[in-house]
Amino acid sequence: MLPKSMRDKKRYLLCRLINVEKKEGMDAGKEIRITLSKQIFSLYGDIGSAKTNAKIIQVKEQNKEVYFIVMCNYNHVEQVEFALANIKELNNCKIIINIREVSGTQKKFNTFLNIKTRK
């Protein structure tokens, strides 16, 4: 395991998924993971995709809204935001992705989503 000083720094993005056309039985978490990885790959290619290191680490449905947390490299936050902004369709449904906030820790977003963390 690498020491903390040698690890890549990360940033976390809290995003909200707004369905314009609602479809029943759609697994939003799985679909958004696939769509984000395809979008980053198509925009930036193999090397850019590896540098951004973007992953959706948590998806939560709350009050008929879908929130998800994206983890990425701190140098490539703007590229991930651009890729998220360019996603217009999810499983043939029109969607809007709203980036709520960017943070250096995941704990801040867990309090927003009312998720209890272990100590």
PDB file of N, CA and C in Angstrom:
ATOM      1  N   MET A   1       0.841  -1.184   0.000  1.00  0.00           N
ATOM      2  CA  MET A   1       0.000   0.000   0.000  1.00  0.00           C
ATOM      3  C   MET A   1       0.888   1.250   0.000  1.00  0.00           C
ATOM      4  N   LEU A   2       0.504   2.207  -0.811  1.00  0.00           N
ATOM      5  CA  LEU A   2       1.281   3.437  -0.925  1.00  0.00           C
ATOM      6  C   LEU A   2       1.040   4.354   0.274  1.00  0.00           C
ATOM      7  N   PRO A   3       2.059   5.106   0.669  1.00  0.00           N
ATOM      8  CA  PRO A   3       1.818   6.100   1.715  1.00  0.00           C
ATOM      9  C   PRO A   3       0.918   7.221   1.189  1.00  0.00           C
ATOM     10  N   LYS A   4       0.285   7.925   2.084  1.00  0.00           N
ATOM     11  CA  LYS A   4      -0.672   8.967   1.697  1.00  0.00           C
ATOM     12  C   LYS A   4      -0.054  10.037   0.809  1.00  0.00           C
ATOM     13  N   SER A   5       1.189  10.341   0.998  1.00  0.00           N
ATOM     14  CA  SER A   5       1.821  11.394   0.207  1.00  0.00           C
ATOM     15  C   SER A   5       2.001  11.003  -1.259  1.00  0.00           C
ATOM     16  N   MET A   6       1.962   9.714  -1.569  1.00  0.00           N
ATOM     17  CA  MET A   6       2.159   9.255  -2.938  1.00  0.00           C
ATOM     18  C   MET A   6       0.847   8.904  -3.650  1.00  0.00           C
ATOM     19  N   ARG A   7      -0.259   8.893  -2.929  1.00  0.00           N
ATOM     20  CA  ARG A   7      -1.540   8.553  -3.541  1.00  0.00           C
ATOM     21  C   ARG A   7      -2.083   9.731  -4.339  1.00  0.00           C
ATOM     22  N   ASP A   8      -2.921   9.399  -5.337  1.00  0.00           N
ATOM     23  CA  ASP A   8      -3.571  10.457  -6.114  1.00  0.00           C
ATOM     24  C   ASP A   8      -4.613  11.158  -5.266  1.00  0.00           C
ATOM     25  N   LYS A   9      -4.687  12.481  -5.413  1.00  0.00           N
ATOM     26  CA  LYS A   9      -5.710  13.244  -4.706  1.00  0.00           C
ATOM     27  C   LYS A   9      -7.021  13.111  -5.459  1.00  0.00           C
ATOM     28  N   LYS A  10      -8.118  13.084  -4.716  1.00  0.00           N
ATOM     29  CA  LYS A  10      -9.431  12.884  -5.323  1.00  0.00           C
ATOM     30  C   LYS A  10     -10.355  14.042  -4.999  1.00  0.00           C
ATOM     31  N   ARG A  11     -11.343  14.214  -5.849  1.00  0.00           N
ATOM     32  CA  ARG A  11     -12.437  15.140  -5.591  1.00  0.00           C
ATOM     33  C   ARG A  11     -13.740  14.374  -5.790  1.00  0.00           C
ATOM     34  N   TYR A  12     -14.755  14.812  -5.077  1.00  0.00           N
ATOM     35  CA  TYR A  12     -16.058  14.165  -5.136  1.00  0.00           C
ATOM     36  C   TYR A  12     -17.078  15.175  -5.646  1.00  0.00           C
ATOM     37  N   LEU A  13     -17.926  14.729  -6.569  1.00  0.00           N
ATOM     38  CA  LEU A  13     -18.970  15.581  -7.139  1.00  0.00           C
ATOM     39  C   LEU A  13     -20.320  15.000  -6.750  1.00  0.00           C
ATOM     40  N   LEU A  14     -21.165  15.821  -6.161  1.00  0.00           N
ATOM     41  CA  LEU A  14     -22.533  15.412  -5.853  1.00  0.00           C
ATOM     42  C   LEU A  14     -23.414  15.861  -7.006  1.00  0.00           C
ATOM     43  N   CYS A  15     -24.098  14.914  -7.623  1.00  0.00           N
ATOM     44  CA  CYS A  15     -24.915  15.207  -8.800  1.00  0.00           C
ATOM     45  C   CYS A  15     -26.347  14.750  -8.564  1.00  0.00           C
ATOM     46  N   ARG A  16     -27.269  15.444  -9.225  1.00  0.00           N
ATOM     47  CA  ARG A  16     -28.683  15.084  -9.164  1.00  0.00           C
ATOM     48  C   ARG A  16     -29.148  14.765 -10.574  1.00  0.00           C
ATOM     49  N   LEU A  17     -29.854  13.671 -10.703  1.00  0.00           N
ATOM     50  CA  LEU A  17     -30.374  13.234 -11.990  1.00  0.00           C
ATOM     51  C   LEU A  17     -31.850  13.599 -12.060  1.00  0.00           C
ATOM     52  N   ILE A  18     -32.203  14.389 -13.062  1.00  0.00           N
ATOM     53  CA  ILE A  18     -33.586  14.819 -13.247  1.00  0.00           C
ATOM     54  C   ILE A  18     -34.127  14.109 -14.483  1.00  0.00           C
ATOM     55  N   ASN A  19     -35.159  13.289 -14.300  1.00  0.00           N
ATOM     56  CA  ASN A  19     -35.794  12.595 -15.420  1.00  0.00           C
ATOM     57  C   ASN A  19     -36.837  13.504 -16.044  1.00  0.00           C
ATOM     58  N   VAL A  20     -36.673  13.805 -17.311  1.00  0.00           N
ATOM     59  CA  VAL A  20     -37.679  14.577 -18.026  1.00  0.00           C
ATOM     60  C   VAL A  20     -38.804  13.647 -18.456  1.00  0.00           C
ATOM     61  N   GLU A  21     -38.436  12.492 -18.977  1.00  0.00           N
ATOM     62  CA  GLU A  21     -39.406  11.462 -19.336  1.00  0.00           C
ATOM     63  C   GLU A  21     -39.182  10.294 -18.393  1.00  0.00           C
ATOM     64  N   LYS A  22     -40.142   9.976 -17.562  1.00  0.00           N
ATOM     65  CA  LYS A  22     -39.973   8.924 -16.578  1.00  0.00           C
ATOM     66  C   LYS A  22     -40.401   7.585 -17.161  1.00  0.00           C
ATOM     67  N   LYS A  23     -39.556   6.569 -16.929  1.00  0.00           N
ATOM     68  CA  LYS A  23     -39.870   5.203 -17.324  1.00  0.00           C
ATOM     69  C   LYS A  23     -39.821   4.334 -16.084  1.00  0.00           C
ATOM     70  N   GLU A  24     -40.772   3.429 -15.994  1.00  0.00           N
ATOM     71  CA  GLU A  24     -40.794   2.512 -14.853  1.00  0.00           C
ATOM     72  C   GLU A  24     -39.788   1.385 -15.085  1.00  0.00           C
ATOM     73  N   GLY A  25     -39.215   0.898 -14.007  1.00  0.00           N
ATOM     74  CA  GLY A  25     -38.307  -0.238 -14.083  1.00  0.00           C
ATOM     75  C   GLY A  25     -36.911   0.082 -14.566  1.00  0.00           C
ATOM     76  N   MET A  26     -36.522   1.340 -14.568  1.00  0.00           N
ATOM     77  CA  MET A  26     -35.186   1.721 -15.017  1.00  0.00           C
ATOM     78  C   MET A  26     -34.247   1.729 -13.814  1.00  0.00           C
ATOM     79  N   ASP A  27     -33.146   1.012 -13.921  1.00  0.00           N
ATOM     80  CA  ASP A  27     -32.125   0.999 -12.882  1.00  0.00           C
ATOM     81  C   ASP A  27     -31.172   2.157 -13.161  1.00  0.00           C
ATOM     82  N   ALA A  28     -31.409   3.268 -12.503  1.00  0.00           N
ATOM     83  CA  ALA A  28     -30.658   4.496 -12.791  1.00  0.00           C
ATOM     84  C   ALA A  28     -29.180   4.356 -12.456  1.00  0.00           C
ATOM     85  N   GLY A  29     -28.858   3.667 -11.372  1.00  0.00           N
ATOM     86  CA  GLY A  29     -27.461   3.536 -10.963  1.00  0.00           C
ATOM     87  C   GLY A  29     -26.619   2.811 -11.995  1.00  0.00           C
ATOM     88  N   LYS A  30     -27.111   1.686 -12.471  1.00  0.00           N
ATOM     89  CA  LYS A  30     -26.369   0.900 -13.451  1.00  0.00           C
ATOM     90  C   LYS A  30     -26.254   1.654 -14.773  1.00  0.00           C
ATOM     91  N   GLU A  31     -27.346   2.261 -15.203  1.00  0.00           N
ATOM     92  CA  GLU A  31     -27.347   2.964 -16.486  1.00  0.00           C
ATOM     93  C   GLU A  31     -26.436   4.186 -16.475  1.00  0.00           C
ATOM     94  N   ILE A  32     -26.420   4.932 -15.382  1.00  0.00           N
ATOM     95  CA  ILE A  32     -25.583   6.135 -15.338  1.00  0.00           C
ATOM     96  C   ILE A  32     -24.106   5.757 -15.275  1.00  0.00           C
ATOM     97  N   ARG A  33     -23.767   4.651 -14.617  1.00  0.00           N
ATOM     98  CA  ARG A  33     -22.372   4.189 -14.585  1.00  0.00           C
ATOM     99  C   ARG A  33     -21.877   3.865 -15.999  1.00  0.00           C
ATOM    100  N   ILE A  34     -22.692   3.113 -16.737  1.00  0.00           N
ATOM    101  CA  ILE A  34     -22.312   2.725 -18.100  1.00  0.00           C
ATOM    102  C   ILE A  34     -22.221   3.953 -18.999  1.00  0.00           C
ATOM    103  N   THR A  35     -23.211   4.841 -18.902  1.00  0.00           N
ATOM    104  CA  THR A  35     -23.248   6.019 -19.763  1.00  0.00           C
ATOM    105  C   THR A  35     -22.084   6.967 -19.475  1.00  0.00           C
ATOM    106  N   LEU A  36     -21.744   7.168 -18.208  1.00  0.00           N
ATOM    107  CA  LEU A  36     -20.623   8.057 -17.867  1.00  0.00           C
ATOM    108  C   LEU A  36     -19.305   7.503 -18.406  1.00  0.00           C
ATOM    109  N   SER A  37     -19.077   6.212 -18.239  1.00  0.00           N
ATOM    110  CA  SER A  37     -17.818   5.646 -18.725  1.00  0.00           C
ATOM    111  C   SER A  37     -17.735   5.735 -20.251  1.00  0.00           C
ATOM    112  N   LYS A  38     -18.841   5.504 -20.947  1.00  0.00           N
ATOM    113  CA  LYS A  38     -18.848   5.636 -22.415  1.00  0.00           C
ATOM    114  C   LYS A  38     -18.610   7.081 -22.842  1.00  0.00           C
ATOM    115  N   GLN A  39     -19.215   8.019 -22.128  1.00  0.00           N
ATOM    116  CA  GLN A  39     -19.081   9.439 -22.480  1.00  0.00           C
ATOM    117  C   GLN A  39     -17.642   9.926 -22.293  1.00  0.00           C
ATOM    118  N   ILE A  40     -17.025   9.568 -21.172  1.00  0.00           N
ATOM    119  CA  ILE A  40     -15.641   9.979 -20.925  1.00  0.00           C
ATOM    120  C   ILE A  40     -14.714   9.336 -21.947  1.00  0.00           C
ATOM    121  N   PHE A  41     -14.959   8.067 -22.262  1.00  0.00           N
ATOM    122  CA  PHE A  41     -14.127   7.381 -23.249  1.00  0.00           C
ATOM    123  C   PHE A  41     -14.266   8.010 -24.626  1.00  0.00           C
ATOM    124  N   SER A  42     -15.491   8.387 -25.013  1.00  0.00           N
ATOM    125  CA  SER A  42     -15.675   8.972 -26.341  1.00  0.00           C
ATOM    126  C   SER A  42     -15.098  10.384 -26.432  1.00  0.00           C
ATOM    127  N   LEU A  43     -15.115  11.132 -25.331  1.00  0.00           N
ATOM    128  CA  LEU A  43     -14.571  12.490 -25.353  1.00  0.00           C
ATOM    129  C   LEU A  43     -13.046  12.532 -25.262  1.00  0.00           C
ATOM    130  N   TYR A  44     -12.470  11.703 -24.388  1.00  0.00           N
ATOM    131  CA  TYR A  44     -11.050  11.833 -24.066  1.00  0.00           C
ATOM    132  C   TYR A  44     -10.201  10.628 -24.446  1.00  0.00           C
ATOM    133  N   GLY A  45     -10.804   9.532 -24.872  1.00  0.00           N
ATOM    134  CA  GLY A  45     -10.046   8.354 -25.289  1.00  0.00           C
ATOM    135  C   GLY A  45      -9.530   7.542 -24.115  1.00  0.00           C
ATOM    136  N   ASP A  46      -8.638   6.594 -24.428  1.00  0.00           N
ATOM    137  CA  ASP A  46      -8.090   5.689 -23.413  1.00  0.00           C
ATOM    138  C   ASP A  46      -7.280   6.430 -22.350  1.00  0.00           C
ATOM    139  N   ILE A  47      -6.368   7.266 -22.813  1.00  0.00           N
ATOM    140  CA  ILE A  47      -5.450   7.927 -21.878  1.00  0.00           C
ATOM    141  C   ILE A  47      -6.188   8.940 -21.015  1.00  0.00           C
ATOM    142  N   GLY A  48      -7.071   9.720 -21.623  1.00  0.00           N
ATOM    143  CA  GLY A  48      -7.842  10.694 -20.859  1.00  0.00           C
ATOM    144  C   GLY A  48      -8.779  10.038 -19.862  1.00  0.00           C
ATOM    145  N   SER A  49      -9.348   8.915 -20.260  1.00  0.00           N
ATOM    146  CA  SER A  49     -10.237   8.181 -19.367  1.00  0.00           C
ATOM    147  C   SER A  49      -9.468   7.641 -18.160  1.00  0.00           C
ATOM    148  N   ALA A  50      -8.261   7.157 -18.405  1.00  0.00           N
ATOM    149  CA  ALA A  50      -7.443   6.653 -17.305  1.00  0.00           C
ATOM    150  C   ALA A  50      -6.977   7.783 -16.388  1.00  0.00           C
ATOM    151  N   LYS A  51      -6.687   8.954 -16.957  1.00  0.00           N
ATOM    152  CA  LYS A  51      -6.229  10.080 -16.141  1.00  0.00           C
ATOM    153  C   LYS A  51      -7.340  10.640 -15.260  1.00  0.00           C
ATOM    154  N   THR A  52      -8.571  10.695 -15.785  1.00  0.00           N
ATOM    155  CA  THR A  52      -9.664  11.235 -14.977  1.00  0.00           C
ATOM    156  C   THR A  52     -10.010  10.311 -13.828  1.00  0.00           C
ATOM    157  N   ASN A  53      -9.903   8.992 -14.051  1.00  0.00           N
ATOM    158  CA  ASN A  53     -10.186   7.989 -13.027  1.00  0.00           C
ATOM    159  C   ASN A  53     -11.560   8.219 -12.386  1.00  0.00           C
ATOM    160  N   ALA A  54     -12.560   8.517 -13.225  1.00  0.00           N
ATOM    161  CA  ALA A  54     -13.897   8.840 -12.722  1.00  0.00           C
ATOM    162  C   ALA A  54     -14.690   7.570 -12.449  1.00  0.00           C
ATOM    163  N   LYS A  55     -15.300   7.525 -11.263  1.00  0.00           N
ATOM    164  CA  LYS A  55     -16.123   6.389 -10.862  1.00  0.00           C
ATOM    165  C   LYS A  55     -17.329   6.906 -10.096  1.00  0.00           C
ATOM    166  N   ILE A  56     -18.459   6.286 -10.328  1.00  0.00           N
ATOM    167  CA  ILE A  56     -19.642   6.583  -9.513  1.00  0.00           C
ATOM    168  C   ILE A  56     -19.585   5.640  -8.328  1.00  0.00           C
ATOM    169  N   ILE A  57     -19.460   6.209  -7.143  1.00  0.00           N
ATOM    170  CA  ILE A  57     -19.253   5.372  -5.969  1.00  0.00           C
ATOM    171  C   ILE A  57     -20.521   5.159  -5.152  1.00  0.00           C
ATOM    172  N   GLN A  58     -21.518   6.012  -5.378  1.00  0.00           N
ATOM    173  CA  GLN A  58     -22.740   5.860  -4.590  1.00  0.00           C
ATOM    174  C   GLN A  58     -23.923   6.436  -5.347  1.00  0.00           C
ATOM    175  N   VAL A  59     -25.041   5.716  -5.316  1.00  0.00           N
ATOM    176  CA  VAL A  59     -26.280   6.161  -5.939  1.00  0.00           C
ATOM    177  C   VAL A  59     -27.379   6.015  -4.898  1.00  0.00           C
ATOM    178  N   LYS A  60     -28.190   7.061  -4.746  1.00  0.00           N
ATOM    179  CA  LYS A  60     -29.277   7.008  -3.773  1.00  0.00           C
ATOM    180  C   LYS A  60     -30.509   7.694  -4.343  1.00  0.00           C
ATOM    181  N   GLU A  61     -31.640   7.004  -4.241  1.00  0.00           N
ATOM    182  CA  GLU A  61     -32.911   7.594  -4.635  1.00  0.00           C
ATOM    183  C   GLU A  61     -33.553   8.182  -3.394  1.00  0.00           C
ATOM    184  N   GLN A  62     -33.936   9.441  -3.505  1.00  0.00           N
ATOM    185  CA  GLN A  62     -34.477  10.155  -2.354  1.00  0.00           C
ATOM    186  C   GLN A  62     -35.560  11.109  -2.843  1.00  0.00           C
ATOM    187  N   ASN A  63     -36.768  10.946  -2.343  1.00  0.00           N
ATOM    188  CA  ASN A  63     -37.895  11.807  -2.707  1.00  0.00           C
ATOM    189  C   ASN A  63     -38.093  11.914  -4.223  1.00  0.00           C
ATOM    190  N   LYS A  64     -38.122  10.772  -4.884  1.00  0.00           N
ATOM    191  CA  LYS A  64     -38.321  10.680  -6.338  1.00  0.00           C
ATOM    192  C   LYS A  64     -37.229  11.380  -7.137  1.00  0.00           C
ATOM    193  N   GLU A  65     -36.074  11.601  -6.529  1.00  0.00           N
ATOM    194  CA  GLU A  65     -34.915  12.150  -7.209  1.00  0.00           C
ATOM    195  C   GLU A  65     -33.765  11.175  -7.025  1.00  0.00           C
ATOM    196  N   VAL A  66     -32.875  11.139  -7.984  1.00  0.00           N
ATOM    197  CA  VAL A  66     -31.715  10.253  -7.909  1.00  0.00           C
ATOM    198  C   VAL A  66     -30.472  11.110  -7.707  1.00  0.00           C
ATOM    199  N   TYR A  67     -29.759  10.855  -6.625  1.00  0.00           N
ATOM    200  CA  TYR A  67     -28.499  11.529  -6.342  1.00  0.00           C
ATOM    201  C   TYR A  67     -27.375  10.516  -6.498  1.00  0.00           C
ATOM    202  N   PHE A  68     -26.233  10.973  -7.012  1.00  0.00           N
ATOM    203  CA  PHE A  68     -25.085  10.090  -7.095  1.00  0.00           C
ATOM    204  C   PHE A  68     -23.805  10.885  -6.860  1.00  0.00           C
ATOM    205  N   ILE A  69     -22.798  10.170  -6.367  1.00  0.00           N
ATOM    206  CA  ILE A  69     -21.507  10.777  -6.054  1.00  0.00           C
ATOM    207  C   ILE A  69     -20.476  10.213  -7.025  1.00  0.00           C
ATOM    208  N   VAL A  70     -19.762  11.122  -7.695  1.00  0.00           N
ATOM    209  CA  VAL A  70     -18.717  10.751  -8.639  1.00  0.00           C
ATOM    210  C   VAL A  70     -17.371  11.091  -8.026  1.00  0.00           C
ATOM    211  N   MET A  71     -16.455  10.123  -8.031  1.00  0.00           N
ATOM    212  CA  MET A  71     -15.101  10.344  -7.556  1.00  0.00           C
ATOM    213  C   MET A  71     -14.188  10.480  -8.769  1.00  0.00           C
ATOM    214  N   CYS A  72     -13.289  11.466  -8.755  1.00  0.00           N
ATOM    215  CA  CYS A  72     -12.363  11.638  -9.877  1.00  0.00           C
ATOM    216  C   CYS A  72     -11.053  12.229  -9.371  1.00  0.00           C
ATOM    217  N   ASN A  73     -10.067  12.269 -10.246  1.00  0.00           N
ATOM    218  CA  ASN A  73      -8.778  12.870  -9.945  1.00  0.00           C
ATOM    219  C   ASN A  73      -8.956  14.386  -9.817  1.00  0.00           C
ATOM    220  N   TYR A  74      -8.260  14.994  -8.881  1.00  0.00           N
ATOM    221  CA  TYR A  74      -8.482  16.424  -8.613  1.00  0.00           C
ATOM    222  C   TYR A  74      -8.031  17.333  -9.755  1.00  0.00           C
ATOM    223  N   ASN A  75      -7.136  16.868 -10.611  1.00  0.00           N
ATOM    224  CA  ASN A  75      -6.689  17.678 -11.746  1.00  0.00           C
ATOM    225  C   ASN A  75      -7.680  17.661 -12.909  1.00  0.00           C
ATOM    226  N   HIS A  76      -8.631  16.741 -12.902  1.00  0.00           N
ATOM    227  CA  HIS A  76      -9.515  16.545 -14.048  1.00  0.00           C
ATOM    228  C   HIS A  76     -10.990  16.725 -13.692  1.00  0.00           C
ATOM    229  N   VAL A  77     -11.282  17.548 -12.721  1.00  0.00           N
ATOM    230  CA  VAL A  77     -12.675  17.784 -12.316  1.00  0.00           C
ATOM    231  C   VAL A  77     -13.461  18.447 -13.441  1.00  0.00           C
ATOM    232  N   GLU A  78     -12.851  19.400 -14.121  1.00  0.00           N
ATOM    233  CA  GLU A  78     -13.552  20.108 -15.197  1.00  0.00           C
ATOM    234  C   GLU A  78     -13.908  19.173 -16.348  1.00  0.00           C
ATOM    235  N   GLN A  79     -13.037  18.226 -16.645  1.00  0.00           N
ATOM    236  CA  GLN A  79     -13.321  17.271 -17.715  1.00  0.00           C
ATOM    237  C   GLN A  79     -14.488  16.364 -17.350  1.00  0.00           C
ATOM    238  N   VAL A  80     -14.558  15.947 -16.099  1.00  0.00           N
ATOM    239  CA  VAL A  80     -15.667  15.092 -15.661  1.00  0.00           C
ATOM    240  C   VAL A  80     -16.964  15.895 -15.647  1.00  0.00           C
ATOM    241  N   GLU A  81     -16.896  17.151 -15.219  1.00  0.00           N
ATOM    242  CA  GLU A  81     -18.093  18.004 -15.254  1.00  0.00           C
ATOM    243  C   GLU A  81     -18.595  18.174 -16.685  1.00  0.00           C
ATOM    244  N   PHE A  82     -17.683  18.353 -17.631  1.00  0.00           N
ATOM    245  CA  PHE A  82     -18.053  18.497 -19.038  1.00  0.00           C
ATOM    246  C   PHE A  82     -18.704  17.219 -19.568  1.00  0.00           C
ATOM    247  N   ALA A  83     -18.147  16.074 -19.196  1.00  0.00           N
ATOM    248  CA  ALA A  83     -18.708  14.796 -19.639  1.00  0.00           C
ATOM    249  C   ALA A  83     -20.109  14.592 -19.054  1.00  0.00           C
ATOM    250  N   LEU A  84     -20.291  14.963 -17.791  1.00  0.00           N
ATOM    251  CA  LEU A  84     -21.616  14.837 -17.167  1.00  0.00           C
ATOM    252  C   LEU A  84     -22.628  15.781 -17.817  1.00  0.00           C
ATOM    253  N   ALA A  85     -22.177  16.978 -18.167  1.00  0.00           N
ATOM    254  CA  ALA A  85     -23.079  17.950 -18.780  1.00  0.00           C
ATOM    255  C   ALA A  85     -23.508  17.519 -20.175  1.00  0.00           C
ATOM    256  N   ASN A  86     -22.688  16.714 -20.840  1.00  0.00           N
ATOM    257  CA  ASN A  86     -23.015  16.274 -22.190  1.00  0.00           C
ATOM    258  C   ASN A  86     -23.908  15.042 -22.236  1.00  0.00           C
ATOM    259  N   ILE A  87     -24.210  14.451 -21.099  1.00  0.00           N
ATOM    260  CA  ILE A  87     -25.120  13.300 -21.085  1.00  0.00           C
ATOM    261  C   ILE A  87     -26.543  13.840 -21.140  1.00  0.00           C
ATOM    262  N   LYS A  88     -27.230  13.558 -22.221  1.00  0.00           N
ATOM    263  CA  LYS A  88     -28.588  14.069 -22.422  1.00  0.00           C
ATOM    264  C   LYS A  88     -29.635  12.965 -22.416  1.00  0.00           C
ATOM    265  N   GLU A  89     -29.195  11.717 -22.586  1.00  0.00           N
ATOM    266  CA  GLU A  89     -30.122  10.607 -22.698  1.00  0.00           C
ATOM    267  C   GLU A  89     -29.631   9.440 -21.868  1.00  0.00           C
ATOM    268  N   LEU A  90     -30.564   8.769 -21.222  1.00  0.00           N
ATOM    269  CA  LEU A  90     -30.242   7.607 -20.416  1.00  0.00           C
ATOM    270  C   LEU A  90     -31.312   6.564 -20.676  1.00  0.00           C
ATOM    271  N   ASN A  91     -30.925   5.490 -21.348  1.00  0.00           N
ATOM    272  CA  ASN A  91     -31.863   4.417 -21.664  1.00  0.00           C
ATOM    273  C   ASN A  91     -33.061   4.939 -22.464  1.00  0.00           C
ATOM    274  N   ASN A  92     -32.769   5.759 -23.480  1.00  0.00           N
ATOM    275  CA  ASN A  92     -33.777   6.376 -24.361  1.00  0.00           C
ATOM    276  C   ASN A  92     -34.755   7.293 -23.623  1.00  0.00           C
ATOM    277  N   CYS A  93     -34.354   7.820 -22.491  1.00  0.00           N
ATOM    278  CA  CYS A  93     -35.142   8.820 -21.750  1.00  0.00           C
ATOM    279  C   CYS A  93     -34.321  10.098 -21.682  1.00  0.00           C
ATOM    280  N   LYS A  94     -34.961  11.224 -21.884  1.00  0.00           N
ATOM    281  CA  LYS A  94     -34.263  12.497 -21.778  1.00  0.00           C
ATOM    282  C   LYS A  94     -34.032  12.811 -20.303  1.00  0.00           C
ATOM    283  N   ILE A  95     -32.803  13.219 -20.005  1.00  0.00           N
ATOM    284  CA  ILE A  95     -32.439  13.519 -18.620  1.00  0.00           C
ATOM    285  C   ILE A  95     -31.640  14.816 -18.570  1.00  0.00           C
ATOM    286  N   ILE A  96     -31.545  15.342 -17.357  1.00  0.00           N
ATOM    287  CA  ILE A  96     -30.688  16.487 -17.067  1.00  0.00           C
ATOM    288  C   ILE A  96     -29.876  16.114 -15.833  1.00  0.00           C
ATOM    289  N   ILE A  97     -28.566  16.340 -15.891  1.00  0.00           N
ATOM    290  CA  ILE A  97     -27.710  16.081 -14.733  1.00  0.00           C
ATOM    291  C   ILE A  97     -27.271  17.420 -14.163  1.00  0.00           C
ATOM    292  N   ASN A  98     -27.602  17.623 -12.910  1.00  0.00           N
ATOM    293  CA  ASN A  98     -27.288  18.863 -12.211  1.00  0.00           C
ATOM    294  C   ASN A  98     -26.164  18.576 -11.219  1.00  0.00           C
ATOM    295  N   ILE A  99     -25.026  19.245 -11.383  1.00  0.00           N
ATOM    296  CA  ILE A  99     -23.911  19.075 -10.453  1.00  0.00           C
ATOM    297  C   ILE A  99     -24.137  20.021  -9.287  1.00  0.00           C
ATOM    298  N   ARG A 100     -24.403  19.450  -8.124  1.00  0.00           N
ATOM    299  CA  ARG A 100     -24.758  20.254  -6.961  1.00  0.00           C
ATOM    300  C   ARG A 100     -23.545  20.890  -6.289  1.00  0.00           C
ATOM    301  N   GLU A 101     -22.498  20.070  -6.090  1.00  0.00           N
ATOM    302  CA  GLU A 101     -21.369  20.572  -5.311  1.00  0.00           C
ATOM    303  C   GLU A 101     -20.135  19.710  -5.566  1.00  0.00           C
ATOM    304  N   VAL A 102     -18.955  20.297  -5.356  1.00  0.00           N
ATOM    305  CA  VAL A 102     -17.680  19.588  -5.448  1.00  0.00           C
ATOM    306  C   VAL A 102     -17.012  19.689  -4.088  1.00  0.00           C
ATOM    307  N   SER A 103     -16.479  18.568  -3.613  1.00  0.00           N
ATOM    308  CA  SER A 103     -15.862  18.561  -2.298  1.00  0.00           C
ATOM    309  C   SER A 103     -14.615  17.684  -2.316  1.00  0.00           C
ATOM    310  N   GLY A 104     -13.785  17.871  -1.314  1.00  0.00           N
ATOM    311  CA  GLY A 104     -12.592  17.053  -1.173  1.00  0.00           C
ATOM    312  C   GLY A 104     -12.812  15.817  -0.336  1.00  0.00           C
ATOM    313  N   THR A 105     -13.949  15.749   0.368  1.00  0.00           N
ATOM    314  CA  THR A 105     -14.247  14.575   1.188  1.00  0.00           C
ATOM    315  C   THR A 105     -15.641  14.055   0.880  1.00  0.00           C
ATOM    316  N   GLN A 106     -15.794  12.768   1.038  1.00  0.00           N
ATOM    317  CA  GLN A 106     -17.087  12.137   0.806  1.00  0.00           C
ATOM    318  C   GLN A 106     -18.016  12.316   2.019  1.00  0.00           C
ATOM    319  N   LYS A 107     -17.449  12.555   3.169  1.00  0.00           N
ATOM    320  CA  LYS A 107     -18.226  12.665   4.400  1.00  0.00           C
ATOM    321  C   LYS A 107     -19.250  13.800   4.339  1.00  0.00           C
ATOM    322  N   LYS A 108     -18.887  14.901   3.701  1.00  0.00           N
ATOM    323  CA  LYS A 108     -19.791  16.041   3.582  1.00  0.00           C
ATOM    324  C   LYS A 108     -21.061  15.652   2.826  1.00  0.00           C
ATOM    325  N   PHE A 109     -20.918  14.862   1.770  1.00  0.00           N
ATOM    326  CA  PHE A 109     -22.064  14.450   0.978  1.00  0.00           C
ATOM    327  C   PHE A 109     -22.898  13.399   1.702  1.00  0.00           C
ATOM    328  N   ASN A 110     -22.250  12.565   2.520  1.00  0.00           N
ATOM    329  CA  ASN A 110     -23.007  11.576   3.276  1.00  0.00           C
ATOM    330  C   ASN A 110     -23.947  12.244   4.265  1.00  0.00           C
ATOM    331  N   THR A 111     -23.546  13.370   4.842  1.00  0.00           N
ATOM    332  CA  THR A 111     -24.450  14.080   5.741  1.00  0.00           C
ATOM    333  C   THR A 111     -25.596  14.710   4.955  1.00  0.00           C
ATOM    334  N   PHE A 112     -25.328  15.152   3.734  1.00  0.00           N
ATOM    335  CA  PHE A 112     -26.388  15.716   2.878  1.00  0.00           C
ATOM    336  C   PHE A 112     -27.411  14.660   2.503  1.00  0.00           C
ATOM    337  N   LEU A 113     -26.942  13.446   2.217  1.00  0.00           N
ATOM    338  CA  LEU A 113     -27.834  12.355   1.804  1.00  0.00           C
ATOM    339  C   LEU A 113     -28.361  11.546   2.983  1.00  0.00           C
ATOM    340  N   ASN A 114     -28.053  11.963   4.210  1.00  0.00           N
ATOM    341  CA  ASN A 114     -28.506  11.294   5.424  1.00  0.00           C
ATOM    342  C   ASN A 114     -28.050   9.834   5.483  1.00  0.00           C
ATOM    343  N   ILE A 115     -26.783   9.613   5.202  1.00  0.00           N
ATOM    344  CA  ILE A 115     -26.193   8.289   5.260  1.00  0.00           C
ATOM    345  C   ILE A 115     -25.316   8.235   6.494  1.00  0.00           C
ATOM    346  N   LYS A 116     -25.537   7.236   7.327  1.00  0.00           N
ATOM    347  CA  LYS A 116     -24.741   7.098   8.535  1.00  0.00           C
ATOM    348  C   LYS A 116     -23.449   6.375   8.194  1.00  0.00           C
ATOM    349  N   THR A 117     -22.332   6.924   8.665  1.00  0.00           N
ATOM    350  CA  THR A 117     -21.032   6.305   8.420  1.00  0.00           C
ATOM    351  C   THR A 117     -20.584   5.589   9.676  1.00  0.00           C
ATOM    352  N   ARG A 118     -19.796   4.538   9.470  1.00  0.00           N
ATOM    353  CA  ARG A 118     -19.249   3.794  10.606  1.00  0.00           C
ATOM    354  C   ARG A 118     -18.047   4.521  11.171  1.00  0.00           C
ATOM    355  N   LYS A 119     -17.872   4.397  12.470  1.00  0.00           N
ATOM    356  CA  LYS A 119     -16.705   5.016  13.114  1.00  0.00           C
ATOM    357  C   LYS A 119     -15.699   3.964  13.487  1.00  0.00           C
TER     358      LYS A 119
END
